[in-house]
mmCIF file of all heavy atoms, coordinates in Angstrom:
data_MODEL
# 
_entry.id   MODEL 
# 
loop_
_atom_site.group_PDB 
_atom_site.id 
_atom_site.type_symbol 
_atom_site.label_atom_id 
_atom_site.label_alt_id 
_atom_site.label_comp_id 
_atom_site.label_asym_id 
_atom_site.label_entity_id 
_atom_site.label_seq_id 
_atom_site.pdbx_PDB_ins_code 
_atom_site.Cartn_x 
_atom_site.Cartn_y 
_atom_site.Cartn_z 
_atom_site.occupancy 
_atom_site.B_iso_or_equiv 
_atom_site.pdbx_formal_charge 
_atom_site.auth_seq_id 
_atom_site.auth_comp_id 
_atom_site.auth_asym_id 
_atom_site.auth_atom_id 
_atom_site.pdbx_PDB_model_num 
ATOM 1   N N   . TYR A 1 1  ? 0.839  -1.185 0.013  1.00 0.00 ? 1  TYR A N   1 
ATOM 2   C CA  . TYR A 1 1  ? 0.005  0.014  -0.008 1.00 0.00 ? 1  TYR A CA  1 
ATOM 3   C C   . TYR A 1 1  ? 0.875  1.250  -0.011 1.00 0.00 ? 1  TYR A C   1 
ATOM 4   O O   . TYR A 1 1  ? 2.038  1.202  0.406  1.00 0.00 ? 1  TYR A O   1 
ATOM 5   C CB  . TYR A 1 1  ? -0.915 0.048  1.253  1.00 0.00 ? 1  TYR A CB  1 
ATOM 6   C CG  . TYR A 1 1  ? -1.792 -1.154 1.373  1.00 0.00 ? 1  TYR A CG  1 
ATOM 7   C CD1 . TYR A 1 1  ? -1.495 -2.223 2.248  1.00 0.00 ? 1  TYR A CD1 1 
ATOM 8   C CD2 . TYR A 1 1  ? -2.943 -1.265 0.598  1.00 0.00 ? 1  TYR A CD2 1 
ATOM 9   C CE1 . TYR A 1 1  ? -2.284 -3.295 2.326  1.00 0.00 ? 1  TYR A CE1 1 
ATOM 10  C CE2 . TYR A 1 1  ? -3.760 -2.368 0.705  1.00 0.00 ? 1  TYR A CE2 1 
ATOM 11  C CZ  . TYR A 1 1  ? -3.455 -3.394 1.573  1.00 0.00 ? 1  TYR A CZ  1 
ATOM 12  O OH  . TYR A 1 1  ? -4.252 -4.501 1.677  1.00 0.00 ? 1  TYR A OH  1 
ATOM 13  N N   . ASP A 1 2  ? 0.266  2.332  -0.408 1.00 0.00 ? 2  ASP A N   1 
ATOM 14  C CA  . ASP A 1 2  ? 0.937  3.642  -0.270 1.00 0.00 ? 2  ASP A CA  1 
ATOM 15  C C   . ASP A 1 2  ? 0.711  4.093  1.146  1.00 0.00 ? 2  ASP A C   1 
ATOM 16  O O   . ASP A 1 2  ? -0.264 4.753  1.488  1.00 0.00 ? 2  ASP A O   1 
ATOM 17  C CB  . ASP A 1 2  ? 0.300  4.584  -1.295 1.00 0.00 ? 2  ASP A CB  1 
ATOM 18  C CG  . ASP A 1 2  ? 1.007  5.933  -1.279 1.00 0.00 ? 2  ASP A CG  1 
ATOM 19  O OD1 . ASP A 1 2  ? 2.076  6.096  -0.663 1.00 0.00 ? 2  ASP A OD1 1 
ATOM 20  O OD2 . ASP A 1 2  ? 0.435  6.894  -1.917 1.00 0.00 ? 2  ASP A OD2 1 
ATOM 21  N N   . LEU A 1 3  ? 1.643  3.743  2.010  1.00 0.00 ? 3  LEU A N   1 
ATOM 22  C CA  . LEU A 1 3  ? 1.526  3.925  3.478  1.00 0.00 ? 3  LEU A CA  1 
ATOM 23  C C   . LEU A 1 3  ? 2.245  5.175  3.974  1.00 0.00 ? 3  LEU A C   1 
ATOM 24  O O   . LEU A 1 3  ? 3.367  5.416  3.552  1.00 0.00 ? 3  LEU A O   1 
ATOM 25  C CB  . LEU A 1 3  ? 2.078  2.723  4.181  1.00 0.00 ? 3  LEU A CB  1 
ATOM 26  C CG  . LEU A 1 3  ? 2.111  2.779  5.723  1.00 0.00 ? 3  LEU A CG  1 
ATOM 27  C CD1 . LEU A 1 3  ? 0.724  2.718  6.310  1.00 0.00 ? 3  LEU A CD1 1 
ATOM 28  C CD2 . LEU A 1 3  ? 3.000  1.687  6.265  1.00 0.00 ? 3  LEU A CD2 1 
ATOM 29  N N   . THR A 1 4  ? 1.581  5.955  4.828  1.00 0.00 ? 4  THR A N   1 
ATOM 30  C CA  . THR A 1 4  ? 2.176  7.007  5.550  1.00 0.00 ? 4  THR A CA  1 
ATOM 31  C C   . THR A 1 4  ? 1.867  6.875  6.995  1.00 0.00 ? 4  THR A C   1 
ATOM 32  O O   . THR A 1 4  ? 0.670  6.685  7.345  1.00 0.00 ? 4  THR A O   1 
ATOM 33  C CB  . THR A 1 4  ? 1.739  8.384  5.070  1.00 0.00 ? 4  THR A CB  1 
ATOM 34  O OG1 . THR A 1 4  ? 2.049  8.502  3.648  1.00 0.00 ? 4  THR A OG1 1 
ATOM 35  C CG2 . THR A 1 4  ? 2.402  9.523  5.800  1.00 0.00 ? 4  THR A CG2 1 
ATOM 36  N N   . VAL A 1 5  ? 2.846  6.912  7.858  1.00 0.00 ? 5  VAL A N   1 
ATOM 37  C CA  . VAL A 1 5  ? 2.595  6.807  9.307  1.00 0.00 ? 5  VAL A CA  1 
ATOM 38  C C   . VAL A 1 5  ? 2.946  8.166  9.934  1.00 0.00 ? 5  VAL A C   1 
ATOM 39  O O   . VAL A 1 5  ? 4.004  8.704  9.714  1.00 0.00 ? 5  VAL A O   1 
ATOM 40  C CB  . VAL A 1 5  ? 3.502  5.714  9.953  1.00 0.00 ? 5  VAL A CB  1 
ATOM 41  C CG1 . VAL A 1 5  ? 3.195  5.593  11.427 1.00 0.00 ? 5  VAL A CG1 1 
ATOM 42  C CG2 . VAL A 1 5  ? 3.256  4.364  9.244  1.00 0.00 ? 5  VAL A CG2 1 
ATOM 43  N N   . VAL A 1 6  ? 1.932  8.674  10.659 1.00 0.00 ? 6  VAL A N   1 
ATOM 44  C CA  . VAL A 1 6  ? 2.106  9.956  11.410 1.00 0.00 ? 6  VAL A CA  1 
ATOM 45  C C   . VAL A 1 6  ? 2.378  9.616  12.880 1.00 0.00 ? 6  VAL A C   1 
ATOM 46  O O   . VAL A 1 6  ? 1.516  9.026  13.510 1.00 0.00 ? 6  VAL A O   1 
ATOM 47  C CB  . VAL A 1 6  ? 0.845  10.839 11.250 1.00 0.00 ? 6  VAL A CB  1 
ATOM 48  C CG1 . VAL A 1 6  ? 1.057  12.107 12.069 1.00 0.00 ? 6  VAL A CG1 1 
ATOM 49  C CG2 . VAL A 1 6  ? 0.611  11.156 9.792  1.00 0.00 ? 6  VAL A CG2 1 
ATOM 50  N N   . PHE A 1 7  ? 3.521  9.980  13.324 1.00 0.00 ? 7  PHE A N   1 
ATOM 51  C CA  . PHE A 1 7  ? 3.923  9.729  14.724 1.00 0.00 ? 7  PHE A CA  1 
ATOM 52  C C   . PHE A 1 7  ? 3.691  11.006 15.537 1.00 0.00 ? 7  PHE A C   1 
ATOM 53  O O   . PHE A 1 7  ? 4.014  12.089 15.093 1.00 0.00 ? 7  PHE A O   1 
ATOM 54  C CB  . PHE A 1 7  ? 5.362  9.299  14.876 1.00 0.00 ? 7  PHE A CB  1 
ATOM 55  C CG  . PHE A 1 7  ? 5.679  7.953  14.274 1.00 0.00 ? 7  PHE A CG  1 
ATOM 56  C CD1 . PHE A 1 7  ? 6.376  7.866  13.046 1.00 0.00 ? 7  PHE A CD1 1 
ATOM 57  C CD2 . PHE A 1 7  ? 5.259  6.797  14.851 1.00 0.00 ? 7  PHE A CD2 1 
ATOM 58  C CE1 . PHE A 1 7  ? 6.660  6.636  12.491 1.00 0.00 ? 7  PHE A CE1 1 
ATOM 59  C CE2 . PHE A 1 7  ? 5.523  5.555  14.346 1.00 0.00 ? 7  PHE A CE2 1 
ATOM 60  C CZ  . PHE A 1 7  ? 6.226  5.464  13.111 1.00 0.00 ? 7  PHE A CZ  1 
ATOM 61  N N   . LEU A 1 8  ? 3.156  10.846 16.699 1.00 0.00 ? 8  LEU A N   1 
ATOM 62  C CA  . LEU A 1 8  ? 2.928  12.006 17.587 1.00 0.00 ? 8  LEU A CA  1 
ATOM 63  C C   . LEU A 1 8  ? 4.199  12.526 18.207 1.00 0.00 ? 8  LEU A C   1 
ATOM 64  O O   . LEU A 1 8  ? 4.269  13.723 18.518 1.00 0.00 ? 8  LEU A O   1 
ATOM 65  C CB  . LEU A 1 8  ? 1.867  11.640 18.675 1.00 0.00 ? 8  LEU A CB  1 
ATOM 66  C CG  . LEU A 1 8  ? 0.562  11.157 18.157 1.00 0.00 ? 8  LEU A CG  1 
ATOM 67  C CD1 . LEU A 1 8  ? -0.398 10.807 19.308 1.00 0.00 ? 8  LEU A CD1 1 
ATOM 68  C CD2 . LEU A 1 8  ? -0.054 12.183 17.245 1.00 0.00 ? 8  LEU A CD2 1 
ATOM 69  N N   . GLN A 1 9  ? 5.173  11.648 18.456 1.00 0.00 ? 9  GLN A N   1 
ATOM 70  C CA  . GLN A 1 9  ? 6.474  12.080 18.995 1.00 0.00 ? 9  GLN A CA  1 
ATOM 71  C C   . GLN A 1 9  ? 7.543  11.089 18.607 1.00 0.00 ? 9  GLN A C   1 
ATOM 72  O O   . GLN A 1 9  ? 7.300  9.952  18.267 1.00 0.00 ? 9  GLN A O   1 
ATOM 73  C CB  . GLN A 1 9  ? 6.402  12.280 20.492 1.00 0.00 ? 9  GLN A CB  1 
ATOM 74  C CG  . GLN A 1 9  ? 5.875  11.116 21.264 1.00 0.00 ? 9  GLN A CG  1 
ATOM 75  C CD  . GLN A 1 9  ? 5.623  11.484 22.716 1.00 0.00 ? 9  GLN A CD  1 
ATOM 76  O OE1 . GLN A 1 9  ? 5.722  12.609 23.125 1.00 0.00 ? 9  GLN A OE1 1 
ATOM 77  N NE2 . GLN A 1 9  ? 5.309  10.474 23.487 1.00 0.00 ? 9  GLN A NE2 1 
ATOM 78  N N   . ARG A 1 10 ? 8.782  11.568 18.604 1.00 0.00 ? 10 ARG A N   1 
ATOM 79  C CA  . ARG A 1 10 ? 9.906  10.762 18.205 1.00 0.00 ? 10 ARG A CA  1 
ATOM 80  C C   . ARG A 1 10 ? 10.299 9.759  19.298 1.00 0.00 ? 10 ARG A C   1 
ATOM 81  O O   . ARG A 1 10 ? 10.631 8.596  18.980 1.00 0.00 ? 10 ARG A O   1 
ATOM 82  C CB  . ARG A 1 10 ? 11.143 11.626 17.909 1.00 0.00 ? 10 ARG A CB  1 
ATOM 83  C CG  . ARG A 1 10 ? 12.279 10.921 17.290 1.00 0.00 ? 10 ARG A CG  1 
ATOM 84  C CD  . ARG A 1 10 ? 13.332 11.870 16.813 1.00 0.00 ? 10 ARG A CD  1 
ATOM 85  N NE  . ARG A 1 10 ? 12.900 12.680 15.705 1.00 0.00 ? 10 ARG A NE  1 
ATOM 86  C CZ  . ARG A 1 10 ? 12.968 12.299 14.401 1.00 0.00 ? 10 ARG A CZ  1 
ATOM 87  N NH1 . ARG A 1 10 ? 13.440 11.124 14.140 1.00 0.00 ? 10 ARG A NH1 1 
ATOM 88  N NH2 . ARG A 1 10 ? 12.555 13.127 13.479 1.00 0.00 ? 10 ARG A NH2 1 
ATOM 89  N N   . GLU A 1 11 ? 10.226 10.134 20.515 1.00 0.00 ? 11 GLU A N   1 
ATOM 90  C CA  . GLU A 1 11 ? 10.544 9.167  21.652 1.00 0.00 ? 11 GLU A CA  1 
ATOM 91  C C   . GLU A 1 11 ? 9.714  9.583  22.847 1.00 0.00 ? 11 GLU A C   1 
ATOM 92  O O   . GLU A 1 11 ? 9.177  10.737 22.869 1.00 0.00 ? 11 GLU A O   1 
ATOM 93  C CB  . GLU A 1 11 ? 12.044 9.187  21.928 1.00 0.00 ? 11 GLU A CB  1 
ATOM 94  C CG  . GLU A 1 11 ? 12.581 10.516 22.303 1.00 0.00 ? 11 GLU A CG  1 
ATOM 95  C CD  . GLU A 1 11 ? 14.120 10.508 22.391 1.00 0.00 ? 11 GLU A CD  1 
ATOM 96  O OE1 . GLU A 1 11 ? 14.757 9.726  21.718 1.00 0.00 ? 11 GLU A OE1 1 
ATOM 97  O OE2 . GLU A 1 11 ? 14.597 11.310 23.196 1.00 0.00 ? 11 GLU A OE2 1 
ATOM 98  N N   . GLU A 1 12 ? 9.666  8.736  23.812 1.00 0.00 ? 12 GLU A N   1 
ATOM 99  C CA  . GLU A 1 12 ? 8.841  8.992  24.976 1.00 0.00 ? 12 GLU A CA  1 
ATOM 100 C C   . GLU A 1 12 ? 9.769  8.779  26.221 1.00 0.00 ? 12 GLU A C   1 
ATOM 101 O O   . GLU A 1 12 ? 10.572 7.843  26.252 1.00 0.00 ? 12 GLU A O   1 
ATOM 102 C CB  . GLU A 1 12 ? 7.695  8.016  25.044 1.00 0.00 ? 12 GLU A CB  1 
ATOM 103 C CG  . GLU A 1 12 ? 6.674  8.319  26.112 1.00 0.00 ? 12 GLU A CG  1 
ATOM 104 C CD  . GLU A 1 12 ? 5.424  7.424  25.991 1.00 0.00 ? 12 GLU A CD  1 
ATOM 105 O OE1 . GLU A 1 12 ? 5.652  6.177  25.901 1.00 0.00 ? 12 GLU A OE1 1 
ATOM 106 O OE2 . GLU A 1 12 ? 4.368  7.984  25.997 1.00 0.00 ? 12 GLU A OE2 1 
ATOM 107 N N   . LYS A 1 13 ? 9.650  9.654  27.158 1.00 0.00 ? 13 LYS A N   1 
ATOM 108 C CA  . LYS A 1 13 ? 10.396 9.535  28.386 1.00 0.00 ? 13 LYS A CA  1 
ATOM 109 C C   . LYS A 1 13 ? 10.121 8.170  29.072 1.00 0.00 ? 13 LYS A C   1 
ATOM 110 O O   . LYS A 1 13 ? 8.952  7.787  29.207 1.00 0.00 ? 13 LYS A O   1 
ATOM 111 C CB  . LYS A 1 13 ? 10.048 10.692 29.350 1.00 0.00 ? 13 LYS A CB  1 
ATOM 112 C CG  . LYS A 1 13 ? 10.897 10.776 30.537 1.00 0.00 ? 13 LYS A CG  1 
ATOM 113 C CD  . LYS A 1 13 ? 10.514 12.007 31.387 1.00 0.00 ? 13 LYS A CD  1 
ATOM 114 C CE  . LYS A 1 13 ? 11.372 12.056 32.591 1.00 0.00 ? 13 LYS A CE  1 
ATOM 115 N NZ  . LYS A 1 13 ? 11.052 13.203 33.465 1.00 0.00 ? 13 LYS A NZ  1 
ATOM 116 N N   . GLY A 1 14 ? 11.191 7.521  29.457 1.00 0.00 ? 14 GLY A N   1 
ATOM 117 C CA  . GLY A 1 14 ? 11.020 6.227  30.086 1.00 0.00 ? 14 GLY A CA  1 
ATOM 118 C C   . GLY A 1 14 ? 11.152 5.006  29.170 1.00 0.00 ? 14 GLY A C   1 
ATOM 119 O O   . GLY A 1 14 ? 11.289 3.918  29.584 1.00 0.00 ? 14 GLY A O   1 
ATOM 120 N N   . ARG A 1 15 ? 11.110 5.264  27.835 1.00 0.00 ? 15 ARG A N   1 
ATOM 121 C CA  . ARG A 1 15 ? 11.314 4.204  26.889 1.00 0.00 ? 15 ARG A CA  1 
ATOM 122 C C   . ARG A 1 15 ? 12.814 4.030  26.630 1.00 0.00 ? 15 ARG A C   1 
ATOM 123 O O   . ARG A 1 15 ? 13.514 5.015  26.502 1.00 0.00 ? 15 ARG A O   1 
ATOM 124 C CB  . ARG A 1 15 ? 10.633 4.486  25.562 1.00 0.00 ? 15 ARG A CB  1 
ATOM 125 C CG  . ARG A 1 15 ? 9.132  4.705  25.662 1.00 0.00 ? 15 ARG A CG  1 
ATOM 126 C CD  . ARG A 1 15 ? 8.426  3.378  25.914 1.00 0.00 ? 15 ARG A CD  1 
ATOM 127 N NE  . ARG A 1 15 ? 7.010  3.635  25.901 1.00 0.00 ? 15 ARG A NE  1 
ATOM 128 C CZ  . ARG A 1 15 ? 6.133  2.719  26.206 1.00 0.00 ? 15 ARG A CZ  1 
ATOM 129 N NH1 . ARG A 1 15 ? 6.520  1.520  26.495 1.00 0.00 ? 15 ARG A NH1 1 
ATOM 130 N NH2 . ARG A 1 15 ? 4.866  3.009  26.220 1.00 0.00 ? 15 ARG A NH2 1 
ATOM 131 N N   . LEU A 1 16 ? 13.283 2.825  26.590 1.00 0.00 ? 16 LEU A N   1 
ATOM 132 C CA  . LEU A 1 16 ? 14.703 2.535  26.487 1.00 0.00 ? 16 LEU A CA  1 
ATOM 133 C C   . LEU A 1 16 ? 15.189 2.463  25.024 1.00 0.00 ? 16 LEU A C   1 
ATOM 134 O O   . LEU A 1 16 ? 16.380 2.524  24.756 1.00 0.00 ? 16 LEU A O   1 
ATOM 135 C CB  . LEU A 1 16 ? 15.069 1.265  27.208 1.00 0.00 ? 16 LEU A CB  1 
ATOM 136 C CG  . LEU A 1 16 ? 14.754 1.307  28.732 1.00 0.00 ? 16 LEU A CG  1 
ATOM 137 C CD1 . LEU A 1 16 ? 15.163 -0.021 29.338 1.00 0.00 ? 16 LEU A CD1 1 
ATOM 138 C CD2 . LEU A 1 16 ? 15.560 2.389  29.373 1.00 0.00 ? 16 LEU A CD2 1 
ATOM 139 N N   . TRP A 1 17 ? 14.288 2.282  24.046 1.00 0.00 ? 17 TRP A N   1 
ATOM 140 C CA  . TRP A 1 17 ? 14.727 2.116  22.688 1.00 0.00 ? 17 TRP A CA  1 
ATOM 141 C C   . TRP A 1 17 ? 14.949 3.462  21.996 1.00 0.00 ? 17 TRP A C   1 
ATOM 142 O O   . TRP A 1 17 ? 14.325 4.443  22.282 1.00 0.00 ? 17 TRP A O   1 
ATOM 143 C CB  . TRP A 1 17 ? 13.769 1.247  21.887 1.00 0.00 ? 17 TRP A CB  1 
ATOM 144 C CG  . TRP A 1 17 ? 12.374 1.750  21.835 1.00 0.00 ? 17 TRP A CG  1 
ATOM 145 C CD1 . TRP A 1 17 ? 11.927 2.855  21.153 1.00 0.00 ? 17 TRP A CD1 1 
ATOM 146 C CD2 . TRP A 1 17 ? 11.225 1.182  22.453 1.00 0.00 ? 17 TRP A CD2 1 
ATOM 147 N NE1 . TRP A 1 17 ? 10.568 2.992  21.321 1.00 0.00 ? 17 TRP A NE1 1 
ATOM 148 C CE2 . TRP A 1 17 ? 10.120 1.985  22.082 1.00 0.00 ? 17 TRP A CE2 1 
ATOM 149 C CE3 . TRP A 1 17 ? 11.009 0.076  23.230 1.00 0.00 ? 17 TRP A CE3 1 
ATOM 150 C CZ2 . TRP A 1 17 ? 8.835  1.691  22.531 1.00 0.00 ? 17 TRP A CZ2 1 
ATOM 151 C CZ3 . TRP A 1 17 ? 9.731  -0.224 23.649 1.00 0.00 ? 17 TRP A CZ3 1 
ATOM 152 C CH2 . TRP A 1 17 ? 8.665  0.582  23.326 1.00 0.00 ? 17 TRP A CH2 1 
ATOM 153 N N   . LYS A 1 18 ? 15.873 3.478  21.050 1.00 0.00 ? 18 LYS A N   1 
ATOM 154 C CA  . LYS A 1 18 ? 16.137 4.624  20.187 1.00 0.00 ? 18 LYS A CA  1 
ATOM 155 C C   . LYS A 1 18 ? 16.021 4.192  18.767 1.00 0.00 ? 18 LYS A C   1 
ATOM 156 O O   . LYS A 1 18 ? 16.693 3.259  18.322 1.00 0.00 ? 18 LYS A O   1 
ATOM 157 C CB  . LYS A 1 18 ? 17.584 5.144  20.454 1.00 0.00 ? 18 LYS A CB  1 
ATOM 158 C CG  . LYS A 1 18 ? 17.868 5.578  21.858 1.00 0.00 ? 18 LYS A CG  1 
ATOM 159 C CD  . LYS A 1 18 ? 17.208 6.842  22.249 1.00 0.00 ? 18 LYS A CD  1 
ATOM 160 C CE  . LYS A 1 18 ? 17.677 7.301  23.583 1.00 0.00 ? 18 LYS A CE  1 
ATOM 161 N NZ  . LYS A 1 18 ? 16.679 7.976  24.343 1.00 0.00 ? 18 LYS A NZ  1 
ATOM 162 N N   . ILE A 1 19 ? 15.133 4.763  18.007 1.00 0.00 ? 19 ILE A N   1 
ATOM 163 C CA  . ILE A 1 19 ? 14.869 4.405  16.623 1.00 0.00 ? 19 ILE A CA  1 
ATOM 164 C C   . ILE A 1 19 ? 15.548 5.452  15.747 1.00 0.00 ? 19 ILE A C   1 
ATOM 165 O O   . ILE A 1 19 ? 15.333 6.663  15.908 1.00 0.00 ? 19 ILE A O   1 
ATOM 166 C CB  . ILE A 1 19 ? 13.353 4.372  16.333 1.00 0.00 ? 19 ILE A CB  1 
ATOM 167 C CG1 . ILE A 1 19 ? 12.649 3.416  17.263 1.00 0.00 ? 19 ILE A CG1 1 
ATOM 168 C CG2 . ILE A 1 19 ? 13.122 4.014  14.876 1.00 0.00 ? 19 ILE A CG2 1 
ATOM 169 C CD1 . ILE A 1 19 ? 13.028 1.980  17.113 1.00 0.00 ? 19 ILE A CD1 1 
ATOM 170 N N   . LYS A 1 20 ? 16.381 5.020  14.852 1.00 0.00 ? 20 LYS A N   1 
ATOM 171 C CA  . LYS A 1 20 ? 17.061 5.897  13.899 1.00 0.00 ? 20 LYS A CA  1 
ATOM 172 C C   . LYS A 1 20 ? 16.204 6.080  12.659 1.00 0.00 ? 20 LYS A C   1 
ATOM 173 O O   . LYS A 1 20 ? 15.426 5.186  12.302 1.00 0.00 ? 20 LYS A O   1 
ATOM 174 C CB  . LYS A 1 20 ? 18.393 5.328  13.525 1.00 0.00 ? 20 LYS A CB  1 
ATOM 175 C CG  . LYS A 1 20 ? 19.353 5.197  14.686 1.00 0.00 ? 20 LYS A CG  1 
ATOM 176 C CD  . LYS A 1 20 ? 20.700 4.611  14.228 1.00 0.00 ? 20 LYS A CD  1 
ATOM 177 C CE  . LYS A 1 20 ? 21.678 4.611  15.341 1.00 0.00 ? 20 LYS A CE  1 
ATOM 178 N NZ  . LYS A 1 20 ? 21.509 3.463  16.212 1.00 0.00 ? 20 LYS A NZ  1 
ATOM 179 N N   . ASP A 1 21 ? 16.312 7.205  11.996 1.00 0.00 ? 21 ASP A N   1 
ATOM 180 C CA  . ASP A 1 21 ? 15.488 7.508  10.850 1.00 0.00 ? 21 ASP A CA  1 
ATOM 181 C C   . ASP A 1 21 ? 15.702 6.505  9.721  1.00 0.00 ? 21 ASP A C   1 
ATOM 182 O O   . ASP A 1 21 ? 14.778 6.196  9.003  1.00 0.00 ? 21 ASP A O   1 
ATOM 183 C CB  . ASP A 1 21 ? 15.774 8.929  10.322 1.00 0.00 ? 21 ASP A CB  1 
ATOM 184 C CG  . ASP A 1 21 ? 15.151 9.962  11.211 1.00 0.00 ? 21 ASP A CG  1 
ATOM 185 O OD1 . ASP A 1 21 ? 14.318 9.625  12.049 1.00 0.00 ? 21 ASP A OD1 1 
ATOM 186 O OD2 . ASP A 1 21 ? 15.479 11.159 11.036 1.00 0.00 ? 21 ASP A OD2 1 
ATOM 187 N N   . LYS A 1 22 ? 16.886 5.927  9.589  1.00 0.00 ? 22 LYS A N   1 
ATOM 188 C CA  . LYS A 1 22 ? 17.134 4.981  8.516  1.00 0.00 ? 22 LYS A CA  1 
ATOM 189 C C   . LYS A 1 22 ? 16.398 3.670  8.730  1.00 0.00 ? 22 LYS A C   1 
ATOM 190 O O   . LYS A 1 22 ? 16.170 2.916  7.803  1.00 0.00 ? 22 LYS A O   1 
ATOM 191 C CB  . LYS A 1 22 ? 18.612 4.718  8.357  1.00 0.00 ? 22 LYS A CB  1 
ATOM 192 C CG  . LYS A 1 22 ? 19.281 3.996  9.561  1.00 0.00 ? 22 LYS A CG  1 
ATOM 193 C CD  . LYS A 1 22 ? 20.784 3.770  9.280  1.00 0.00 ? 22 LYS A CD  1 
ATOM 194 C CE  . LYS A 1 22 ? 21.368 3.060  10.473 1.00 0.00 ? 22 LYS A CE  1 
ATOM 195 N NZ  . LYS A 1 22 ? 22.744 2.812  10.287 1.00 0.00 ? 22 LYS A NZ  1 
ATOM 196 N N   . GLU A 1 23 ? 15.987 3.419  9.950  1.00 0.00 ? 23 GLU A N   1 
ATOM 197 C CA  . GLU A 1 23 ? 15.169 2.214  10.251 1.00 0.00 ? 23 GLU A CA  1 
ATOM 198 C C   . GLU A 1 23 ? 13.728 2.401  9.804  1.00 0.00 ? 23 GLU A C   1 
ATOM 199 O O   . GLU A 1 23 ? 12.998 1.421  9.693  1.00 0.00 ? 23 GLU A O   1 
ATOM 200 C CB  . GLU A 1 23 ? 15.203 1.874  11.753 1.00 0.00 ? 23 GLU A CB  1 
ATOM 201 C CG  . GLU A 1 23 ? 16.612 1.526  12.250 1.00 0.00 ? 23 GLU A CG  1 
ATOM 202 C CD  . GLU A 1 23 ? 16.612 1.255  13.722 1.00 0.00 ? 23 GLU A CD  1 
ATOM 203 O OE1 . GLU A 1 23 ? 15.767 0.487  14.198 1.00 0.00 ? 23 GLU A OE1 1 
ATOM 204 O OE2 . GLU A 1 23 ? 17.502 1.866  14.420 1.00 0.00 ? 23 GLU A OE2 1 
ATOM 205 N N   . LEU A 1 24 ? 13.327 3.608  9.589  1.00 0.00 ? 24 LEU A N   1 
ATOM 206 C CA  . LEU A 1 24 ? 11.937 3.957  9.173  1.00 0.00 ? 24 LEU A CA  1 
ATOM 207 C C   . LEU A 1 24 ? 11.938 4.021  7.632  1.00 0.00 ? 24 LEU A C   1 
ATOM 208 O O   . LEU A 1 24 ? 11.892 5.094  7.072  1.00 0.00 ? 24 LEU A O   1 
ATOM 209 C CB  . LEU A 1 24 ? 11.461 5.226  9.765  1.00 0.00 ? 24 LEU A CB  1 
ATOM 210 C CG  . LEU A 1 24 ? 11.528 5.335  11.305 1.00 0.00 ? 24 LEU A CG  1 
ATOM 211 C CD1 . LEU A 1 24 ? 11.202 6.744  11.763 1.00 0.00 ? 24 LEU A CD1 1 
ATOM 212 C CD2 . LEU A 1 24 ? 10.563 4.298  11.904 1.00 0.00 ? 24 LEU A CD2 1 
ATOM 213 N N   . ASN A 1 25 ? 12.043 2.897  6.987  1.00 0.00 ? 25 ASN A N   1 
ATOM 214 C CA  . ASN A 1 25 ? 12.136 2.890  5.501  1.00 0.00 ? 25 ASN A CA  1 
ATOM 215 C C   . ASN A 1 25 ? 10.700 2.798  4.871  1.00 0.00 ? 25 ASN A C   1 
ATOM 216 O O   . ASN A 1 25 ? 10.477 2.029  4.009  1.00 0.00 ? 25 ASN A O   1 
ATOM 217 C CB  . ASN A 1 25 ? 12.990 1.764  5.016  1.00 0.00 ? 25 ASN A CB  1 
ATOM 218 C CG  . ASN A 1 25 ? 12.611 0.392  5.571  1.00 0.00 ? 25 ASN A CG  1 
ATOM 219 O OD1 . ASN A 1 25 ? 11.668 0.292  6.354  1.00 0.00 ? 25 ASN A OD1 1 
ATOM 220 N ND2 . ASN A 1 25 ? 13.334 -0.599 5.190  1.00 0.00 ? 25 ASN A ND2 1 
# 
């Protein structure tokens, strides 16, 4: 599908993971 995901924020306080932009392909 022609998919677009709208995220409300890049990270959340208390979350341990860090997502890099290159992982969002």
